[in-house]
């Protein structure tokens, strides 16, 4: 496939492919970009590149959707297990006050404190 053919294919098909992928995942643009990159490497090129792109976009979007759900499940589980660094009302300091105090610090002071709190 020549660069010109690829450019025409991208111009005519990418917007529809993004909409197609959005029904399954949030990263539709990334999925479409990955499909076009995969198309470039196909040897020999598919006889029906539009159909091939739709199939690849669908498969990648479904994979991305599974990955998103797995990531959210793991993050939720980690959040439930995490100890908060500020107990509610310990020595008159609550979480909102602590967050406000951290946000008032310059980045170079705030970053190591947050890294210590979350990463130990």
PDB file of N, CA and C in Angstrom:
ATOM      1  N   UNK A   1       0.843  -1.170   0.000  1.00  0.00           N
ATOM      2  CA  UNK A   1       0.000   0.000   0.000  1.00  0.00           C
ATOM      3  C   UNK A   1       0.893   1.239   0.000  1.00  0.00           C
ATOM      4  N   UNK A   2       0.596   2.134  -0.911  1.00  0.00           N
ATOM      5  CA  UNK A   2       1.415   3.338  -1.034  1.00  0.00           C
ATOM      6  C   UNK A   2       1.029   4.349   0.049  1.00  0.00           C
ATOM      7  N   UNK A   3       1.946   5.291   0.329  1.00  0.00           N
ATOM      8  CA  UNK A   3       1.617   6.331   1.318  1.00  0.00           C
ATOM      9  C   UNK A   3       0.383   7.140   0.919  1.00  0.00           C
ATOM     10  N   UNK A   4       0.203   7.390  -0.369  1.00  0.00           N
ATOM     11  CA  UNK A   4      -0.970   8.128  -0.825  1.00  0.00           C
ATOM     12  C   UNK A   4      -2.259   7.366  -0.578  1.00  0.00           C
ATOM     13  N   UNK A   5      -2.241   6.060  -0.855  1.00  0.00           N
ATOM     14  CA  UNK A   5      -3.421   5.227  -0.598  1.00  0.00           C
ATOM     15  C   UNK A   5      -3.746   5.191   0.894  1.00  0.00           C
ATOM     16  N   UNK A   6      -2.708   5.097   1.705  1.00  0.00           N
ATOM     17  CA  UNK A   6      -2.904   5.088   3.151  1.00  0.00           C
ATOM     18  C   UNK A   6      -3.494   6.411   3.629  1.00  0.00           C
ATOM     19  N   UNK A   7      -2.996   7.520   3.087  1.00  0.00           N
ATOM     20  CA  UNK A   7      -3.513   8.832   3.480  1.00  0.00           C
ATOM     21  C   UNK A   7      -4.986   8.971   3.113  1.00  0.00           C
ATOM     22  N   UNK A   8      -5.356   8.517   1.930  1.00  0.00           N
ATOM     23  CA  UNK A   8      -6.759   8.580   1.513  1.00  0.00           C
ATOM     24  C   UNK A   8      -7.614   7.709   2.427  1.00  0.00           C
ATOM     25  N   UNK A   9      -7.112   6.532   2.723  1.00  0.00           N
ATOM     26  CA  UNK A   9      -7.833   5.613   3.607  1.00  0.00           C
ATOM     27  C   UNK A   9      -8.025   6.229   4.993  1.00  0.00           C
ATOM     28  N   UNK A  10      -6.990   6.870   5.507  1.00  0.00           N
ATOM     29  CA  UNK A  10      -7.092   7.517   6.821  1.00  0.00           C
ATOM     30  C   UNK A  10      -8.092   8.671   6.778  1.00  0.00           C
ATOM     31  N   UNK A  11      -8.020   9.482   5.742  1.00  0.00           N
ATOM     32  CA  UNK A  11      -8.932  10.628   5.635  1.00  0.00           C
ATOM     33  C   UNK A  11     -10.384  10.195   5.523  1.00  0.00           C
ATOM     34  N   UNK A  12     -10.630   9.118   4.789  1.00  0.00           N
ATOM     35  CA  UNK A  12     -12.009   8.718   4.546  1.00  0.00           C
ATOM     36  C   UNK A  12     -12.572   7.800   5.629  1.00  0.00           C
ATOM     37  N   UNK A  13     -11.732   7.018   6.291  1.00  0.00           N
ATOM     38  CA  UNK A  13     -12.237   5.993   7.198  1.00  0.00           C
ATOM     39  C   UNK A  13     -12.003   6.268   8.680  1.00  0.00           C
ATOM     40  N   UNK A  14     -10.979   7.031   9.034  1.00  0.00           N
ATOM     41  CA  UNK A  14     -10.626   7.204  10.449  1.00  0.00           C
ATOM     42  C   UNK A  14     -11.772   7.754  11.298  1.00  0.00           C
ATOM     43  N   UNK A  15     -12.480   8.807  10.864  1.00  0.00           N
ATOM     44  CA  UNK A  15     -13.568   9.312  11.728  1.00  0.00           C
ATOM     45  C   UNK A  15     -14.644   8.257  12.013  1.00  0.00           C
ATOM     46  N   UNK A  16     -15.033   7.496  11.003  1.00  0.00           N
ATOM     47  CA  UNK A  16     -16.050   6.463  11.198  1.00  0.00           C
ATOM     48  C   UNK A  16     -15.508   5.345  12.089  1.00  0.00           C
ATOM     49  N   UNK A  17     -14.240   5.011  11.927  1.00  0.00           N
ATOM     50  CA  UNK A  17     -13.640   3.969  12.764  1.00  0.00           C
ATOM     51  C   UNK A  17     -13.583   4.395  14.227  1.00  0.00           C
ATOM     52  N   UNK A  18     -13.301   5.669  14.470  1.00  0.00           N
ATOM     53  CA  UNK A  18     -13.278   6.173  15.850  1.00  0.00           C
ATOM     54  C   UNK A  18     -14.668   6.045  16.478  1.00  0.00           C
ATOM     55  N   UNK A  19     -15.691   6.446  15.733  1.00  0.00           N
ATOM     56  CA  UNK A  19     -17.058   6.309  16.253  1.00  0.00           C
ATOM     57  C   UNK A  19     -17.404   4.843  16.491  1.00  0.00           C
ATOM     58  N   UNK A  20     -16.976   3.985  15.604  1.00  0.00           N
ATOM     59  CA  UNK A  20     -17.219   2.550  15.734  1.00  0.00           C
ATOM     60  C   UNK A  20     -16.565   2.005  17.003  1.00  0.00           C
ATOM     61  N   UNK A  21     -15.328   2.415  17.269  1.00  0.00           N
ATOM     62  CA  UNK A  21     -14.596   1.918  18.434  1.00  0.00           C
ATOM     63  C   UNK A  21     -15.142   2.472  19.742  1.00  0.00           C
ATOM     64  N   UNK A  22     -15.737   3.652  19.708  1.00  0.00           N
ATOM     65  CA  UNK A  22     -16.231   4.288  20.939  1.00  0.00           C
ATOM     66  C   UNK A  22     -17.338   3.499  21.616  1.00  0.00           C
ATOM     67  N   UNK A  23     -18.008   2.637  20.888  1.00  0.00           N
ATOM     68  CA  UNK A  23     -19.063   1.868  21.530  1.00  0.00           C
ATOM     69  C   UNK A  23     -18.499   0.837  22.500  1.00  0.00           C
ATOM     70  N   UNK A  24     -17.210   0.561  22.396  1.00  0.00           N
ATOM     71  CA  UNK A  24     -16.600  -0.433  23.281  1.00  0.00           C
ATOM     72  C   UNK A  24     -15.600   0.156  24.261  1.00  0.00           C
ATOM     73  N   UNK A  25     -14.911   1.229  23.890  1.00  0.00           N
ATOM     74  CA  UNK A  25     -13.844   1.713  24.772  1.00  0.00           C
ATOM     75  C   UNK A  25     -13.743   3.230  24.731  1.00  0.00           C
ATOM     76  N   UNK A  26     -13.009   3.774  25.693  1.00  0.00           N
ATOM     77  CA  UNK A  26     -12.804   5.213  25.784  1.00  0.00           C
ATOM     78  C   UNK A  26     -11.616   5.681  24.953  1.00  0.00           C
ATOM     79  N   UNK A  27     -10.685   4.792  24.669  1.00  0.00           N
ATOM     80  CA  UNK A  27      -9.466   5.159  23.940  1.00  0.00           C
ATOM     81  C   UNK A  27      -9.612   4.855  22.452  1.00  0.00           C
ATOM     82  N   UNK A  28     -10.723   5.289  21.859  1.00  0.00           N
ATOM     83  CA  UNK A  28     -11.030   4.940  20.476  1.00  0.00           C
ATOM     84  C   UNK A  28      -9.979   5.451  19.492  1.00  0.00           C
ATOM     85  N   UNK A  29      -9.487   6.670  19.706  1.00  0.00           N
ATOM     86  CA  UNK A  29      -8.481   7.219  18.790  1.00  0.00           C
ATOM     87  C   UNK A  29      -7.211   6.384  18.807  1.00  0.00           C
ATOM     88  N   UNK A  30      -6.806   5.941  19.987  1.00  0.00           N
ATOM     89  CA  UNK A  30      -5.611   5.108  20.107  1.00  0.00           C
ATOM     90  C   UNK A  30      -5.807   3.773  19.397  1.00  0.00           C
ATOM     91  N   UNK A  31      -6.988   3.196  19.551  1.00  0.00           N
ATOM     92  CA  UNK A  31      -7.285   1.915  18.917  1.00  0.00           C
ATOM     93  C   UNK A  31      -7.214   2.049  17.395  1.00  0.00           C
ATOM     94  N   UNK A  32      -7.781   3.123  16.866  1.00  0.00           N
ATOM     95  CA  UNK A  32      -7.761   3.334  15.412  1.00  0.00           C
ATOM     96  C   UNK A  32      -6.334   3.559  14.932  1.00  0.00           C
ATOM     97  N   UNK A  33      -5.569   4.328  15.668  1.00  0.00           N
ATOM     98  CA  UNK A  33      -4.179   4.558  15.292  1.00  0.00           C
ATOM     99  C   UNK A  33      -3.404   3.238  15.281  1.00  0.00           C
ATOM    100  N   UNK A  34      -3.614   2.396  16.274  1.00  0.00           N
ATOM    101  CA  UNK A  34      -2.944   1.099  16.316  1.00  0.00           C
ATOM    102  C   UNK A  34      -3.345   0.240  15.122  1.00  0.00           C
ATOM    103  N   UNK A  35      -4.608   0.318  14.724  1.00  0.00           N
ATOM    104  CA  UNK A  35      -5.067  -0.464  13.572  1.00  0.00           C
ATOM    105  C   UNK A  35      -4.383   0.005  12.291  1.00  0.00           C
ATOM    106  N   UNK A  36      -4.253   1.306  12.105  1.00  0.00           N
ATOM    107  CA  UNK A  36      -3.564   1.806  10.910  1.00  0.00           C
ATOM    108  C   UNK A  36      -2.087   1.423  10.926  1.00  0.00           C
ATOM    109  N   UNK A  37      -1.471   1.459  12.091  1.00  0.00           N
ATOM    110  CA  UNK A  37      -0.075   1.023  12.179  1.00  0.00           C
ATOM    111  C   UNK A  37       0.058  -0.457  11.836  1.00  0.00           C
ATOM    112  N   UNK A  38      -0.899  -1.253  12.272  1.00  0.00           N
ATOM    113  CA  UNK A  38      -0.873  -2.672  11.938  1.00  0.00           C
ATOM    114  C   UNK A  38      -1.088  -2.882  10.438  1.00  0.00           C
ATOM    115  N   UNK A  39      -1.922  -2.048   9.841  1.00  0.00           N
ATOM    116  CA  UNK A  39      -2.174  -2.152   8.405  1.00  0.00           C
ATOM    117  C   UNK A  39      -0.906  -1.912   7.598  1.00  0.00           C
ATOM    118  N   UNK A  40      -0.108  -0.970   8.039  1.00  0.00           N
ATOM    119  CA  UNK A  40       1.140  -0.649   7.332  1.00  0.00           C
ATOM    120  C   UNK A  40       2.061  -1.858   7.273  1.00  0.00           C
ATOM    121  N   UNK A  41       2.056  -2.659   8.320  1.00  0.00           N
ATOM    122  CA  UNK A  41       2.998  -3.787   8.400  1.00  0.00           C
ATOM    123  C   UNK A  41       2.473  -5.062   7.751  1.00  0.00           C
ATOM    124  N   UNK A  42       1.235  -5.065   7.278  1.00  0.00           N
ATOM    125  CA  UNK A  42       0.671  -6.272   6.676  1.00  0.00           C
ATOM    126  C   UNK A  42       1.334  -6.583   5.345  1.00  0.00           C
ATOM    127  N   UNK A  43       1.884  -7.771   5.247  1.00  0.00           N
ATOM    128  CA  UNK A  43       2.497  -8.252   4.008  1.00  0.00           C
ATOM    129  C   UNK A  43       1.928  -9.606   3.686  1.00  0.00           C
ATOM    130  N   UNK A  44       1.270  -9.769   2.619  1.00  0.00           N
ATOM    131  CA  UNK A  44       0.800  -8.757   1.672  1.00  0.00           C
ATOM    132  C   UNK A  44      -0.348  -7.949   2.285  1.00  0.00           C
ATOM    133  N   UNK A  45      -0.606  -6.776   1.740  1.00  0.00           N
ATOM    134  CA  UNK A  45      -1.695  -5.968   2.283  1.00  0.00           C
ATOM    135  C   UNK A  45      -3.034  -6.687   2.082  1.00  0.00           C
ATOM    136  N   UNK A  46      -3.986  -6.429   2.961  1.00  0.00           N
ATOM    137  CA  UNK A  46      -5.283  -7.089   2.823  1.00  0.00           C
ATOM    138  C   UNK A  46      -5.976  -6.689   1.526  1.00  0.00           C
ATOM    139  N   UNK A  47      -6.747  -7.619   0.969  1.00  0.00           N
ATOM    140  CA  UNK A  47      -7.450  -7.316  -0.274  1.00  0.00           C
ATOM    141  C   UNK A  47      -8.581  -6.315  -0.039  1.00  0.00           C
ATOM    142  N   UNK A  48      -9.165  -6.316   1.146  1.00  0.00           N
ATOM    143  CA  UNK A  48     -10.212  -5.362   1.515  1.00  0.00           C
ATOM    144  C   UNK A  48      -9.749  -4.604   2.754  1.00  0.00           C
ATOM    145  N   UNK A  49      -8.962  -3.542   2.559  1.00  0.00           N
ATOM    146  CA  UNK A  49      -8.398  -2.852   3.730  1.00  0.00           C
ATOM    147  C   UNK A  49      -9.453  -2.221   4.646  1.00  0.00           C
ATOM    148  N   UNK A  50     -10.569  -1.774   4.110  1.00  0.00           N
ATOM    149  CA  UNK A  50     -11.600  -1.161   4.949  1.00  0.00           C
ATOM    150  C   UNK A  50     -12.220  -2.217   5.864  1.00  0.00           C
ATOM    151  N   UNK A  51     -12.594  -3.347   5.309  1.00  0.00           N
ATOM    152  CA  UNK A  51     -13.136  -4.429   6.124  1.00  0.00           C
ATOM    153  C   UNK A  51     -12.129  -4.915   7.153  1.00  0.00           C
ATOM    154  N   UNK A  52     -10.878  -5.020   6.723  1.00  0.00           N
ATOM    155  CA  UNK A  52      -9.803  -5.452   7.617  1.00  0.00           C
ATOM    156  C   UNK A  52      -9.677  -4.471   8.786  1.00  0.00           C
ATOM    157  N   UNK A  53      -9.717  -3.160   8.492  1.00  0.00           N
ATOM    158  CA  UNK A  53      -9.603  -2.151   9.541  1.00  0.00           C
ATOM    159  C   UNK A  53     -10.757  -2.246  10.533  1.00  0.00           C
ATOM    160  N   UNK A  54     -11.961  -2.428  10.049  1.00  0.00           N
ATOM    161  CA  UNK A  54     -13.099  -2.549  10.959  1.00  0.00           C
ATOM    162  C   UNK A  54     -12.949  -3.759  11.873  1.00  0.00           C
ATOM    163  N   UNK A  55     -12.487  -4.860  11.328  1.00  0.00           N
ATOM    164  CA  UNK A  55     -12.304  -6.059  12.157  1.00  0.00           C
ATOM    165  C   UNK A  55     -11.222  -5.830  13.215  1.00  0.00           C
ATOM    166  N   UNK A  56     -10.099  -5.241  12.797  1.00  0.00           N
ATOM    167  CA  UNK A  56      -8.995  -4.997  13.727  1.00  0.00           C
ATOM    168  C   UNK A  56      -9.406  -3.975  14.791  1.00  0.00           C
ATOM    169  N   UNK A  57     -10.090  -2.918  14.387  1.00  0.00           N
ATOM    170  CA  UNK A  57     -10.537  -1.900  15.347  1.00  0.00           C
ATOM    171  C   UNK A  57     -11.490  -2.529  16.361  1.00  0.00           C
ATOM    172  N   UNK A  58     -12.412  -3.354  15.898  1.00  0.00           N
ATOM    173  CA  UNK A  58     -13.348  -4.010  16.817  1.00  0.00           C
ATOM    174  C   UNK A  58     -12.595  -4.881  17.825  1.00  0.00           C
ATOM    175  N   UNK A  59     -11.694  -5.711  17.341  1.00  0.00           N
ATOM    176  CA  UNK A  59     -10.953  -6.604  18.237  1.00  0.00           C
ATOM    177  C   UNK A  59     -10.105  -5.825  19.232  1.00  0.00           C
ATOM    178  N   UNK A  60      -9.419  -4.796  18.768  1.00  0.00           N
ATOM    179  CA  UNK A  60      -8.583  -3.999  19.667  1.00  0.00           C
ATOM    180  C   UNK A  60      -9.422  -3.204  20.665  1.00  0.00           C
ATOM    181  N   UNK A  61     -10.579  -2.702  20.227  1.00  0.00           N
ATOM    182  CA  UNK A  61     -11.452  -1.949  21.133  1.00  0.00           C
ATOM    183  C   UNK A  61     -11.999  -2.866  22.224  1.00  0.00           C
ATOM    184  N   UNK A  62     -12.373  -4.090  21.865  1.00  0.00           N
ATOM    185  CA  UNK A  62     -12.839  -5.036  22.876  1.00  0.00           C
ATOM    186  C   UNK A  62     -11.726  -5.378  23.857  1.00  0.00           C
ATOM    187  N   UNK A  63     -10.511  -5.564  23.347  1.00  0.00           N
ATOM    188  CA  UNK A  63      -9.372  -5.819  24.238  1.00  0.00           C
ATOM    189  C   UNK A  63      -9.126  -4.636  25.167  1.00  0.00           C
ATOM    190  N   UNK A  64      -9.197  -3.437  24.632  1.00  0.00           N
ATOM    191  CA  UNK A  64      -8.983  -2.230  25.437  1.00  0.00           C
ATOM    192  C   UNK A  64     -10.069  -2.105  26.503  1.00  0.00           C
ATOM    193  N   UNK A  65     -11.298  -2.452  26.151  1.00  0.00           N
ATOM    194  CA  UNK A  65     -12.395  -2.401  27.114  1.00  0.00           C
ATOM    195  C   UNK A  65     -12.149  -3.369  28.268  1.00  0.00           C
ATOM    196  N   UNK A  66     -11.708  -4.576  27.954  1.00  0.00           N
ATOM    197  CA  UNK A  66     -11.385  -5.549  29.009  1.00  0.00           C
ATOM    198  C   UNK A  66     -10.267  -5.020  29.896  1.00  0.00           C
ATOM    199  N   UNK A  67      -9.259  -4.420  29.279  1.00  0.00           N
ATOM    200  CA  UNK A  67      -8.138  -3.867  30.029  1.00  0.00           C
ATOM    201  C   UNK A  67      -8.600  -2.738  30.952  1.00  0.00           C
ATOM    202  N   UNK A  68      -9.482  -1.872  30.461  1.00  0.00           N
ATOM    203  CA  UNK A  68     -10.008  -0.782  31.283  1.00  0.00           C
ATOM    204  C   UNK A  68     -10.771  -1.325  32.490  1.00  0.00           C
ATOM    205  N   UNK A  69     -11.635  -2.318  32.254  1.00  0.00           N
ATOM    206  CA  UNK A  69     -12.402  -2.896  33.368  1.00  0.00           C
ATOM    207  C   UNK A  69     -11.476  -3.542  34.389  1.00  0.00           C
ATOM    208  N   UNK A  70     -10.454  -4.251  33.916  1.00  0.00           N
ATOM    209  CA  UNK A  70      -9.505  -4.903  34.827  1.00  0.00           C
ATOM    210  C   UNK A  70      -8.747  -3.848  35.627  1.00  0.00           C
ATOM    211  N   UNK A  71      -8.327  -2.782  34.961  1.00  0.00           N
ATOM    212  CA  UNK A  71      -7.591  -1.713  35.638  1.00  0.00           C
ATOM    213  C   UNK A  71      -8.461  -1.050  36.700  1.00  0.00           C
ATOM    214  N   UNK A  72      -9.711  -0.746  36.365  1.00  0.00           N
ATOM    215  CA  UNK A  72     -10.611  -0.130  37.343  1.00  0.00           C
ATOM    216  C   UNK A  72     -10.860  -1.043  38.528  1.00  0.00           C
ATOM    217  N   UNK A  73     -11.026  -2.330  38.279  1.00  0.00           N
ATOM    218  CA  UNK A  73     -11.243  -3.283  39.362  1.00  0.00           C
ATOM    219  C   UNK A  73     -10.030  -3.326  40.285  1.00  0.00           C
ATOM    220  N   UNK A  74      -8.836  -3.362  39.705  1.00  0.00           N
ATOM    221  CA  UNK A  74      -7.618  -3.396  40.519  1.00  0.00           C
ATOM    222  C   UNK A  74      -7.430  -2.100  41.294  1.00  0.00           C
ATOM    223  N   UNK A  75      -7.696  -0.961  40.649  1.00  0.00           N
ATOM    224  CA  UNK A  75      -7.548   0.315  41.341  1.00  0.00           C
ATOM    225  C   UNK A  75      -8.560   0.451  42.475  1.00  0.00           C
ATOM    226  N   UNK A  76      -9.778  -0.007  42.239  1.00  0.00           N
ATOM    227  CA  UNK A  76     -10.798   0.047  43.299  1.00  0.00           C
ATOM    228  C   UNK A  76     -10.408  -0.823  44.477  1.00  0.00           C
ATOM    229  N   UNK A  77      -9.905  -2.009  44.174  1.00  0.00           N
ATOM    230  CA  UNK A  77      -9.484  -2.914  45.241  1.00  0.00           C
ATOM    231  C   UNK A  77      -8.319  -2.315  46.023  1.00  0.00           C
ATOM    232  N   UNK A  78      -7.367  -1.724  45.322  1.00  0.00           N
ATOM    233  CA  UNK A  78      -6.220  -1.107  45.997  1.00  0.00           C
ATOM    234  C   UNK A  78      -6.669   0.076  46.853  1.00  0.00           C
ATOM    235  N   UNK A  79      -7.624   0.840  46.358  1.00  0.00           N
ATOM    236  CA  UNK A  79      -8.110   1.993  47.123  1.00  0.00           C
ATOM    237  C   UNK A  79      -8.825   1.546  48.395  1.00  0.00           C
ATOM    238  N   UNK A  80      -9.562   0.440  48.306  1.00  0.00           N
ATOM    239  CA  UNK A  80     -10.250  -0.063  49.507  1.00  0.00           C
ATOM    240  C   UNK A  80      -9.249  -0.560  50.547  1.00  0.00           C
ATOM    241  N   UNK A  81      -8.125  -1.078  50.095  1.00  0.00           N
ATOM    242  CA  UNK A  81      -7.137  -1.640  51.013  1.00  0.00           C
ATOM    243  C   UNK A  81      -6.154  -0.598  51.535  1.00  0.00           C
ATOM    244  N   UNK A  82      -6.087   0.544  50.877  1.00  0.00           N
ATOM    245  CA  UNK A  82      -5.101   1.561  51.245  1.00  0.00           C
ATOM    246  C   UNK A  82      -5.471   2.212  52.575  1.00  0.00           C
ATOM    247  N   UNK A  83      -4.455   2.498  53.348  1.00  0.00           N
ATOM    248  CA  UNK A  83      -4.656   3.272  54.572  1.00  0.00           C
ATOM    249  C   UNK A  83      -4.537   4.735  54.207  1.00  0.00           C
ATOM    250  N   UNK A  84      -5.449   5.513  54.684  1.00  0.00           N
ATOM    251  CA  UNK A  84      -5.365   6.940  54.414  1.00  0.00           C
ATOM    252  C   UNK A  84      -4.320   7.548  55.335  1.00  0.00           C
ATOM    253  N   UNK A  85      -3.615   8.539  54.825  1.00  0.00           N
ATOM    254  CA  UNK A  85      -2.529   9.120  55.586  1.00  0.00           C
ATOM    255  C   UNK A  85      -3.023  10.088  56.650  1.00  0.00           C
ATOM    256  N   UNK A  86      -4.280  10.472  56.601  1.00  0.00           N
ATOM    257  CA  UNK A  86      -4.836  11.369  57.611  1.00  0.00           C
ATOM    258  C   UNK A  86      -6.080  10.704  58.179  1.00  0.00           C
ATOM    259  N   UNK A  87      -6.050  10.453  59.474  1.00  0.00           N
ATOM    260  CA  UNK A  87      -7.239   9.927  60.141  1.00  0.00           C
ATOM    261  C   UNK A  87      -8.227  11.076  60.292  1.00  0.00           C
ATOM    262  N   UNK A  88      -9.501  10.777  60.257  1.00  0.00           N
ATOM    263  CA  UNK A  88     -10.464  11.860  60.453  1.00  0.00           C
ATOM    264  C   UNK A  88     -10.269  12.511  61.828  1.00  0.00           C
ATOM    265  N   UNK A  89     -10.035  13.771  61.814  1.00  0.00           N
ATOM    266  CA  UNK A  89      -9.910  14.583  63.016  1.00  0.00           C
ATOM    267  C   UNK A  89      -8.887  14.056  64.016  1.00  0.00           C
ATOM    268  N   UNK A  90      -7.635  14.008  63.596  1.00  0.00           N
ATOM    269  CA  UNK A  90      -6.542  13.691  64.504  1.00  0.00           C
ATOM    270  C   UNK A  90      -5.838  15.017  64.799  1.00  0.00           C
ATOM    271  N   UNK A  91      -5.793  15.382  66.046  1.00  0.00           N
ATOM    272  CA  UNK A  91      -5.165  16.640  66.471  1.00  0.00           C
ATOM    273  C   UNK A  91      -5.719  17.837  65.699  1.00  0.00           C
ATOM    274  N   UNK A  92      -7.003  17.826  65.395  1.00  0.00           N
ATOM    275  CA  UNK A  92      -7.633  18.959  64.732  1.00  0.00           C
ATOM    276  C   UNK A  92      -7.338  19.060  63.246  1.00  0.00           C
ATOM    277  N   UNK A  93      -6.654  18.078  62.676  1.00  0.00           N
ATOM    278  CA  UNK A  93      -6.316  18.109  61.254  1.00  0.00           C
ATOM    279  C   UNK A  93      -7.199  17.108  60.525  1.00  0.00           C
ATOM    280  N   UNK A  94      -7.944  17.572  59.538  1.00  0.00           N
ATOM    281  CA  UNK A  94      -8.748  16.639  58.755  1.00  0.00           C
ATOM    282  C   UNK A  94      -8.178  16.554  57.337  1.00  0.00           C
ATOM    283  N   UNK A  95      -8.711  15.647  56.547  1.00  0.00           N
ATOM    284  CA  UNK A  95      -8.178  15.394  55.209  1.00  0.00           C
ATOM    285  C   UNK A  95      -8.254  16.634  54.329  1.00  0.00           C
ATOM    286  N   UNK A  96      -9.343  17.378  54.395  1.00  0.00           N
ATOM    287  CA  UNK A  96      -9.477  18.574  53.558  1.00  0.00           C
ATOM    288  C   UNK A  96      -8.424  19.618  53.897  1.00  0.00           C
ATOM    289  N   UNK A  97      -8.156  19.790  55.185  1.00  0.00           N
ATOM    290  CA  UNK A  97      -7.135  20.747  55.614  1.00  0.00           C
ATOM    291  C   UNK A  97      -5.753  20.293  55.149  1.00  0.00           C
ATOM    292  N   UNK A  98      -5.493  18.985  55.255  1.00  0.00           N
ATOM    293  CA  UNK A  98      -4.197  18.459  54.820  1.00  0.00           C
ATOM    294  C   UNK A  98      -4.009  18.645  53.318  1.00  0.00           C
ATOM    295  N   UNK A  99      -5.054  18.357  52.532  1.00  0.00           N
ATOM    296  CA  UNK A  99      -4.971  18.527  51.083  1.00  0.00           C
ATOM    297  C   UNK A  99      -4.734  19.989  50.743  1.00  0.00           C
ATOM    298  N   UNK A 100      -5.449  20.879  51.392  1.00  0.00           N
ATOM    299  CA  UNK A 100      -5.277  22.314  51.134  1.00  0.00           C
ATOM    300  C   UNK A 100      -3.855  22.756  51.472  1.00  0.00           C
ATOM    301  N   UNK A 101      -3.323  22.239  52.587  1.00  0.00           N
ATOM    302  CA  UNK A 101      -1.953  22.598  52.969  1.00  0.00           C
ATOM    303  C   UNK A 101      -0.948  22.087  51.933  1.00  0.00           C
ATOM    304  N   UNK A 102      -1.136  20.855  51.467  1.00  0.00           N
ATOM    305  CA  UNK A 102      -0.226  20.317  50.447  1.00  0.00           C
ATOM    306  C   UNK A 102      -0.316  21.107  49.145  1.00  0.00           C
ATOM    307  N   UNK A 103      -1.531  21.468  48.750  1.00  0.00           N
ATOM    308  CA  UNK A 103      -1.702  22.218  47.508  1.00  0.00           C
ATOM    309  C   UNK A 103      -1.102  23.613  47.586  1.00  0.00           C
ATOM    310  N   UNK A 104      -0.958  24.143  48.781  1.00  0.00           N
ATOM    311  CA  UNK A 104      -0.387  25.486  48.918  1.00  0.00           C
ATOM    312  C   UNK A 104       1.139  25.478  48.800  1.00  0.00           C
ATOM    313  N   UNK A 105       1.746  24.300  48.915  1.00  0.00           N
ATOM    314  CA  UNK A 105       3.206  24.208  48.814  1.00  0.00           C
ATOM    315  C   UNK A 105       3.667  24.301  47.366  1.00  0.00           C
ATOM    316  N   UNK A 106       4.876  24.825  47.150  1.00  0.00           N
ATOM    317  CA  UNK A 106       5.441  24.786  45.802  1.00  0.00           C
ATOM    318  C   UNK A 106       5.672  23.325  45.379  1.00  0.00           C
ATOM    319  N   UNK A 107       5.624  23.072  44.088  1.00  0.00           N
ATOM    320  CA  UNK A 107       5.727  21.718  43.558  1.00  0.00           C
ATOM    321  C   UNK A 107       6.958  20.986  44.074  1.00  0.00           C
ATOM    322  N   UNK A 108       8.108  21.659  44.125  1.00  0.00           N
ATOM    323  CA  UNK A 108       9.342  20.979  44.549  1.00  0.00           C
ATOM    324  C   UNK A 108       9.312  20.556  46.020  1.00  0.00           C
ATOM    325  N   UNK A 109       8.463  21.179  46.833  1.00  0.00           N
ATOM    326  CA  UNK A 109       8.290  20.755  48.223  1.00  0.00           C
ATOM    327  C   UNK A 109       7.160  19.737  48.354  1.00  0.00           C
ATOM    328  N   UNK A 110       6.108  19.926  47.572  1.00  0.00           N
ATOM    329  CA  UNK A 110       4.938  19.051  47.656  1.00  0.00           C
ATOM    330  C   UNK A 110       5.241  17.649  47.116  1.00  0.00           C
ATOM    331  N   UNK A 111       5.981  17.568  46.027  1.00  0.00           N
ATOM    332  CA  UNK A 111       6.218  16.281  45.376  1.00  0.00           C
ATOM    333  C   UNK A 111       6.880  15.243  46.280  1.00  0.00           C
ATOM    334  N   UNK A 112       7.963  15.566  47.000  1.00  0.00           N
ATOM    335  CA  UNK A 112       8.559  14.542  47.868  1.00  0.00           C
ATOM    336  C   UNK A 112       7.652  14.146  49.037  1.00  0.00           C
ATOM    337  N   UNK A 113       6.848  15.067  49.527  1.00  0.00           N
ATOM    338  CA  UNK A 113       5.929  14.730  50.624  1.00  0.00           C
ATOM    339  C   UNK A 113       4.877  13.739  50.140  1.00  0.00           C
ATOM    340  N   UNK A 114       4.282  14.026  48.986  1.00  0.00           N
ATOM    341  CA  UNK A 114       3.267  13.139  48.439  1.00  0.00           C
ATOM    342  C   UNK A 114       3.890  11.791  48.093  1.00  0.00           C
ATOM    343  N   UNK A 115       5.076  11.782  47.529  1.00  0.00           N
ATOM    344  CA  UNK A 115       5.750  10.533  47.196  1.00  0.00           C
ATOM    345  C   UNK A 115       5.998   9.721  48.456  1.00  0.00           C
ATOM    346  N   UNK A 116       6.395  10.378  49.538  1.00  0.00           N
ATOM    347  CA  UNK A 116       6.611   9.665  50.799  1.00  0.00           C
ATOM    348  C   UNK A 116       5.302   9.114  51.357  1.00  0.00           C
ATOM    349  N   UNK A 117       4.253   9.921  51.311  1.00  0.00           N
ATOM    350  CA  UNK A 117       2.969   9.487  51.852  1.00  0.00           C
ATOM    351  C   UNK A 117       2.402   8.287  51.101  1.00  0.00           C
ATOM    352  N   UNK A 118       2.470   8.322  49.789  1.00  0.00           N
ATOM    353  CA  UNK A 118       1.877   7.251  48.980  1.00  0.00           C
ATOM    354  C   UNK A 118       2.824   6.102  48.717  1.00  0.00           C
ATOM    355  N   UNK A 119       4.109   6.404  48.613  1.00  0.00           N
ATOM    356  CA  UNK A 119       5.060   5.357  48.276  1.00  0.00           C
ATOM    357  C   UNK A 119       5.907   4.881  49.425  1.00  0.00           C
ATOM    358  N   UNK A 120       5.823   5.559  50.555  1.00  0.00           N
ATOM    359  CA  UNK A 120       6.604   5.142  51.709  1.00  0.00           C
ATOM    360  C   UNK A 120       8.018   5.612  51.615  1.00  0.00           C
TER     361      UNK A 120
END
